[in-house]
N, C-alpha and C. Protein backbone atom coordinates (compact mmCIF):
# COMPACT_ATOMS: atom_id res chain seq x y z
N MET A 1 19.74 -1.71 138.69
CA MET A 1 19.81 -1.30 137.49
C MET A 1 19.00 -2.26 136.74
N VAL A 2 17.92 -1.68 135.80
CA VAL A 2 17.10 -2.28 135.06
C VAL A 2 17.34 -2.73 133.45
N LEU A 3 17.89 -3.53 133.20
CA LEU A 3 18.41 -3.76 131.62
C LEU A 3 16.94 -3.90 130.53
N LYS A 4 17.15 -2.68 129.43
CA LYS A 4 15.95 -2.82 128.97
C LYS A 4 16.33 -4.01 127.73
N LYS A 5 15.04 -4.73 127.62
CA LYS A 5 15.19 -6.26 126.48
C LYS A 5 14.43 -5.54 125.45
N HIS A 6 15.10 -6.22 124.65
CA HIS A 6 14.44 -6.05 123.01
C HIS A 6 13.83 -7.39 122.53
N SER A 7 12.50 -7.07 122.25
CA SER A 7 11.99 -8.02 121.97
C SER A 7 12.74 -9.12 120.66
N GLN A 8 13.35 -8.59 119.61
CA GLN A 8 14.00 -9.06 118.67
C GLN A 8 15.25 -9.68 118.86
N GLY A 9 15.45 -9.28 120.01
CA GLY A 9 17.02 -10.13 120.39
C GLY A 9 18.03 -8.85 120.11
N VAL A 10 19.35 -8.95 120.24
CA VAL A 10 20.26 -7.97 120.04
C VAL A 10 19.87 -7.29 118.68
N PRO A 11 20.19 -6.22 119.14
CA PRO A 11 19.85 -5.00 117.51
C PRO A 11 21.04 -5.10 116.88
N LYS A 12 20.66 -4.82 115.39
CA LYS A 12 22.03 -4.82 114.81
C LYS A 12 22.21 -3.22 114.49
N ILE A 13 23.22 -2.69 114.39
CA ILE A 13 23.50 -1.50 114.40
C ILE A 13 24.83 -1.19 112.96
N LYS A 14 24.16 -0.12 112.35
CA LYS A 14 24.81 0.22 111.46
C LYS A 14 26.19 1.39 112.23
N VAL A 15 26.99 1.09 111.64
CA VAL A 15 28.15 2.07 112.69
C VAL A 15 29.31 2.66 111.25
N ARG A 16 28.89 3.99 111.43
CA ARG A 16 29.52 4.75 110.15
C ARG A 16 31.05 5.37 110.40
N LEU A 17 31.85 5.26 109.95
CA LEU A 17 33.35 5.50 110.77
C LEU A 17 34.13 6.78 109.72
N PHE A 18 34.56 7.47 109.90
CA PHE A 18 35.26 8.36 109.48
C PHE A 18 37.10 8.56 109.52
N ALA A 19 37.34 9.39 108.62
CA ALA A 19 38.72 9.72 108.73
C ALA A 19 39.78 8.46 109.22
N ASN A 20 40.48 8.73 109.96
CA ASN A 20 41.53 7.58 110.33
C ASN A 20 40.92 6.79 111.05
N PHE A 21 39.72 6.74 111.46
CA PHE A 21 38.84 5.50 111.86
C PHE A 21 38.46 4.77 110.53
N ARG A 22 38.01 5.13 109.62
CA ARG A 22 37.78 4.18 108.27
C ARG A 22 39.27 3.70 107.55
N GLU A 23 40.05 4.43 107.87
CA GLU A 23 41.32 4.02 107.18
C GLU A 23 42.13 3.04 108.15
N PHE A 24 41.82 2.73 109.36
CA PHE A 24 42.30 1.61 110.28
C PHE A 24 41.51 0.42 109.65
N THR A 25 40.14 0.47 109.90
CA THR A 25 39.60 -0.60 109.54
C THR A 25 39.27 -1.20 108.09
N LYS A 26 39.86 0.04 107.41
CA LYS A 26 39.60 -0.28 105.75
C LYS A 26 38.43 -0.57 105.11
N THR A 27 37.30 0.17 105.83
CA THR A 27 35.75 0.50 106.06
C THR A 27 35.28 1.52 106.27
N GLY A 28 34.06 1.96 105.73
CA GLY A 28 33.28 3.12 106.19
C GLY A 28 32.31 2.65 106.73
N GLU A 29 31.80 1.66 106.78
CA GLU A 29 30.62 1.04 107.54
C GLU A 29 30.53 -0.46 107.74
N ILE A 30 29.96 -0.53 109.00
CA ILE A 30 29.95 -1.88 109.54
C ILE A 30 28.69 -2.15 110.39
N MET A 31 28.07 -3.23 110.08
CA MET A 31 27.01 -3.66 110.56
C MET A 31 27.08 -4.61 111.83
N ILE A 32 26.58 -4.15 112.93
CA ILE A 32 27.12 -4.70 114.26
C ILE A 32 26.17 -5.12 115.37
N GLU A 33 25.82 -6.53 116.15
CA GLU A 33 25.04 -6.21 117.26
C GLU A 33 25.54 -5.63 118.58
N GLY A 34 24.66 -4.94 119.25
CA GLY A 34 25.00 -4.69 120.75
C GLY A 34 23.34 -4.22 121.18
N ASN A 35 23.68 -4.13 122.27
CA ASN A 35 22.40 -3.58 123.61
C ASN A 35 23.10 -2.19 123.76
N THR A 36 24.34 -1.89 123.84
CA THR A 36 24.64 -0.44 124.31
C THR A 36 25.86 0.05 123.25
N VAL A 37 25.91 1.38 123.42
CA VAL A 37 27.01 2.03 122.47
C VAL A 37 28.26 1.29 123.13
N ARG A 38 28.56 1.25 124.28
CA ARG A 38 29.63 0.37 124.64
C ARG A 38 29.98 -0.98 124.15
N ASP A 39 28.83 -1.54 124.17
CA ASP A 39 28.58 -3.04 123.74
C ASP A 39 29.51 -2.95 122.12
N VAL A 40 28.73 -2.03 121.21
CA VAL A 40 28.82 -2.00 119.85
C VAL A 40 30.54 -1.52 119.76
N LEU A 41 31.13 -1.14 120.82
CA LEU A 41 32.68 -0.30 120.66
C LEU A 41 33.46 -1.56 120.92
N GLU A 42 32.78 -2.39 121.88
CA GLU A 42 33.65 -3.64 122.27
C GLU A 42 33.90 -4.50 121.25
N ARG A 43 32.85 -4.57 120.64
CA ARG A 43 32.53 -5.93 119.33
C ARG A 43 33.54 -5.31 118.46
N ILE A 44 33.47 -4.08 117.94
CA ILE A 44 34.37 -3.45 117.17
C ILE A 44 36.14 -3.71 117.25
N CYS A 45 36.24 -3.41 118.35
CA CYS A 45 37.57 -3.66 118.86
C CYS A 45 38.28 -4.95 118.99
N ARG A 46 37.42 -5.90 119.12
CA ARG A 46 37.49 -7.50 118.82
C ARG A 46 37.64 -7.65 117.55
N LYS A 47 36.44 -7.20 116.79
CA LYS A 47 36.91 -7.32 115.23
C LYS A 47 38.21 -6.69 114.72
N TYR A 48 38.60 -5.62 114.80
CA TYR A 48 40.07 -5.03 114.36
C TYR A 48 40.82 -4.91 115.68
N PRO A 49 41.56 -5.94 115.86
CA PRO A 49 42.81 -5.51 117.15
C PRO A 49 43.43 -4.47 116.77
N GLY A 50 43.54 -3.88 117.72
CA GLY A 50 44.91 -2.57 117.61
C GLY A 50 43.39 -0.97 117.74
N PHE A 51 42.35 -1.36 117.24
CA PHE A 51 41.28 -0.46 117.32
C PHE A 51 41.14 0.48 118.80
N GLU A 52 40.91 -0.56 119.96
CA GLU A 52 40.89 0.06 121.24
C GLU A 52 41.76 0.92 121.52
N ASN A 53 43.15 0.67 121.15
CA ASN A 53 44.34 2.21 121.38
C ASN A 53 43.68 3.38 120.68
N ILE A 54 43.11 3.39 119.64
CA ILE A 54 42.80 4.34 118.87
C ILE A 54 41.28 5.52 120.10
N LEU A 55 40.58 4.52 120.28
CA LEU A 55 39.54 4.79 120.69
C LEU A 55 39.45 4.99 122.37
N PHE A 56 40.15 4.06 123.04
CA PHE A 56 40.17 4.26 124.76
C PHE A 56 41.69 4.67 125.23
N LYS A 57 41.75 4.86 126.45
CA LYS A 57 42.98 5.18 127.18
C LYS A 57 42.48 4.93 128.69
N ASP A 58 42.95 3.90 129.20
CA ASP A 58 43.00 3.32 130.33
C ASP A 58 41.60 3.25 130.62
N GLY A 59 40.38 2.37 129.95
CA GLY A 59 39.26 2.00 129.64
C GLY A 59 38.57 3.09 129.49
N ASN A 60 38.89 4.56 129.20
CA ASN A 60 37.94 5.64 128.93
C ASN A 60 38.10 6.13 127.43
N LEU A 61 36.75 6.32 127.08
CA LEU A 61 37.09 6.91 125.57
C LEU A 61 38.13 8.24 125.35
N GLN A 62 38.92 8.12 124.78
CA GLN A 62 39.92 9.12 124.52
C GLN A 62 38.86 10.49 124.56
N LEU A 63 39.53 11.74 124.61
CA LEU A 63 38.87 12.94 124.75
C LEU A 63 38.36 13.48 123.31
N TYR A 64 39.54 12.97 122.51
CA TYR A 64 39.42 13.64 120.57
C TYR A 64 38.05 12.70 120.00
N VAL A 65 37.85 11.61 120.40
CA VAL A 65 36.80 10.66 120.15
C VAL A 65 35.37 11.58 120.34
N ASN A 66 34.91 11.54 119.11
CA ASN A 66 33.34 12.24 118.64
C ASN A 66 32.62 10.90 118.55
N ILE A 67 31.64 10.41 119.16
CA ILE A 67 30.55 9.41 118.91
C ILE A 67 29.17 9.94 118.79
N PHE A 68 28.29 9.97 118.10
CA PHE A 68 27.04 10.17 117.71
C PHE A 68 25.90 8.88 117.36
N LEU A 69 24.75 9.31 117.94
CA LEU A 69 23.93 7.91 117.87
C LEU A 69 22.69 8.98 117.46
N ASN A 70 22.19 8.69 116.04
CA ASN A 70 21.11 8.96 115.62
C ASN A 70 21.29 10.17 115.44
N GLY A 71 22.68 10.77 114.88
CA GLY A 71 23.03 12.26 115.16
C GLY A 71 23.01 13.34 116.01
N GLY A 72 22.97 12.60 117.29
CA GLY A 72 23.18 13.48 118.65
C GLY A 72 24.64 13.02 119.45
N ASN A 73 25.16 13.63 119.81
CA ASN A 73 26.23 13.48 120.74
C ASN A 73 25.91 12.64 121.87
N ILE A 74 26.86 11.57 121.96
CA ILE A 74 26.47 10.44 123.27
C ILE A 74 26.53 11.07 124.73
N ILE A 75 27.50 12.16 124.46
CA ILE A 75 27.73 12.82 125.77
C ILE A 75 26.61 13.47 126.27
N GLU A 76 25.60 14.01 125.22
CA GLU A 76 24.60 14.46 125.51
C GLU A 76 23.39 13.68 126.16
N SER A 77 23.27 12.23 125.86
CA SER A 77 22.21 11.36 125.89
C SER A 77 22.75 10.50 127.22
N GLY A 78 23.10 9.45 126.98
CA GLY A 78 23.39 8.38 128.30
C GLY A 78 24.80 7.59 127.62
N GLY A 79 25.76 8.75 127.18
CA GLY A 79 27.01 8.53 127.29
C GLY A 79 27.13 6.91 126.60
N LEU A 80 28.46 6.25 127.10
CA LEU A 80 28.41 4.90 126.20
C LEU A 80 27.56 3.75 126.67
N ASP A 81 26.49 4.13 127.69
CA ASP A 81 25.85 2.95 128.31
C ASP A 81 24.32 3.46 127.60
N SER A 82 24.19 4.50 126.57
CA SER A 82 22.93 4.68 125.73
C SER A 82 22.28 3.09 125.29
N PHE A 83 20.93 3.12 125.37
CA PHE A 83 20.65 1.67 125.05
C PHE A 83 20.12 1.77 123.40
N LEU A 84 20.62 0.83 122.91
CA LEU A 84 20.15 0.51 121.36
C LEU A 84 19.04 0.17 120.88
N GLU A 85 18.50 0.36 119.84
CA GLU A 85 17.16 -0.24 118.76
C GLU A 85 17.50 -0.50 117.63
N GLN A 86 16.91 -1.60 117.29
CA GLN A 86 17.32 -1.89 115.85
C GLN A 86 17.15 -0.76 114.73
N GLY A 87 17.77 -0.47 113.81
CA GLY A 87 17.81 0.74 113.05
C GLY A 87 18.48 2.07 113.65
N ASP A 88 19.09 2.03 114.63
CA ASP A 88 19.68 3.22 115.18
C ASP A 88 21.38 3.31 114.30
N GLU A 89 21.88 4.02 114.19
CA GLU A 89 23.06 4.63 113.50
C GLU A 89 24.23 5.17 114.32
N ILE A 90 25.43 4.71 114.67
CA ILE A 90 26.76 5.07 115.34
C ILE A 90 27.17 5.82 114.51
N SER A 91 27.90 7.25 114.66
CA SER A 91 28.81 7.48 113.66
C SER A 91 30.21 7.96 114.56
N ILE A 92 31.29 7.47 113.99
CA ILE A 92 32.64 7.86 115.13
C ILE A 92 33.68 8.78 113.88
N PHE A 93 33.44 9.84 114.72
CA PHE A 93 34.57 10.85 114.26
C PHE A 93 35.60 11.00 114.91
N PRO A 94 36.81 11.34 114.23
CA PRO A 94 37.64 12.30 115.17
C PRO A 94 37.74 13.64 115.04
N PRO A 95 39.04 14.01 115.86
CA PRO A 95 38.50 15.58 116.26
C PRO A 95 38.29 16.11 115.05
N VAL A 96 37.54 17.40 114.75
CA VAL A 96 37.35 18.04 113.85
C VAL A 96 38.03 19.66 113.85
N SER A 97 38.78 19.94 112.68
CA SER A 97 39.14 21.22 113.24
C SER A 97 39.35 22.27 111.52
N GLY A 98 40.03 23.19 111.94
CA GLY A 98 39.75 24.17 110.56
C GLY A 98 40.03 25.35 110.58
N GLY A 99 39.84 26.14 109.81
CA GLY A 99 40.45 27.19 109.98
C GLY A 99 39.78 28.04 108.55
């Protein structure tokens, strides 16, 4: 596997949190470094102990968690291993339902 290198170092990513994720962290937006979506999520989990219990189960992303990279669902691109560039934005949503 060839790792993508960033000429500017590790990119700083804007992460937007919604609903119960925002309530847990007490913030709607975090600026955090990471080379992949997984890196960013792991760093958020270290910064906010217990957050990993909301995002992950047995090392896998919870089925109800929706993560978007620049407006597109990561499931349709590279998943948690999607590479990030400076200026990218991640949005983390809980399940959406309505009636």
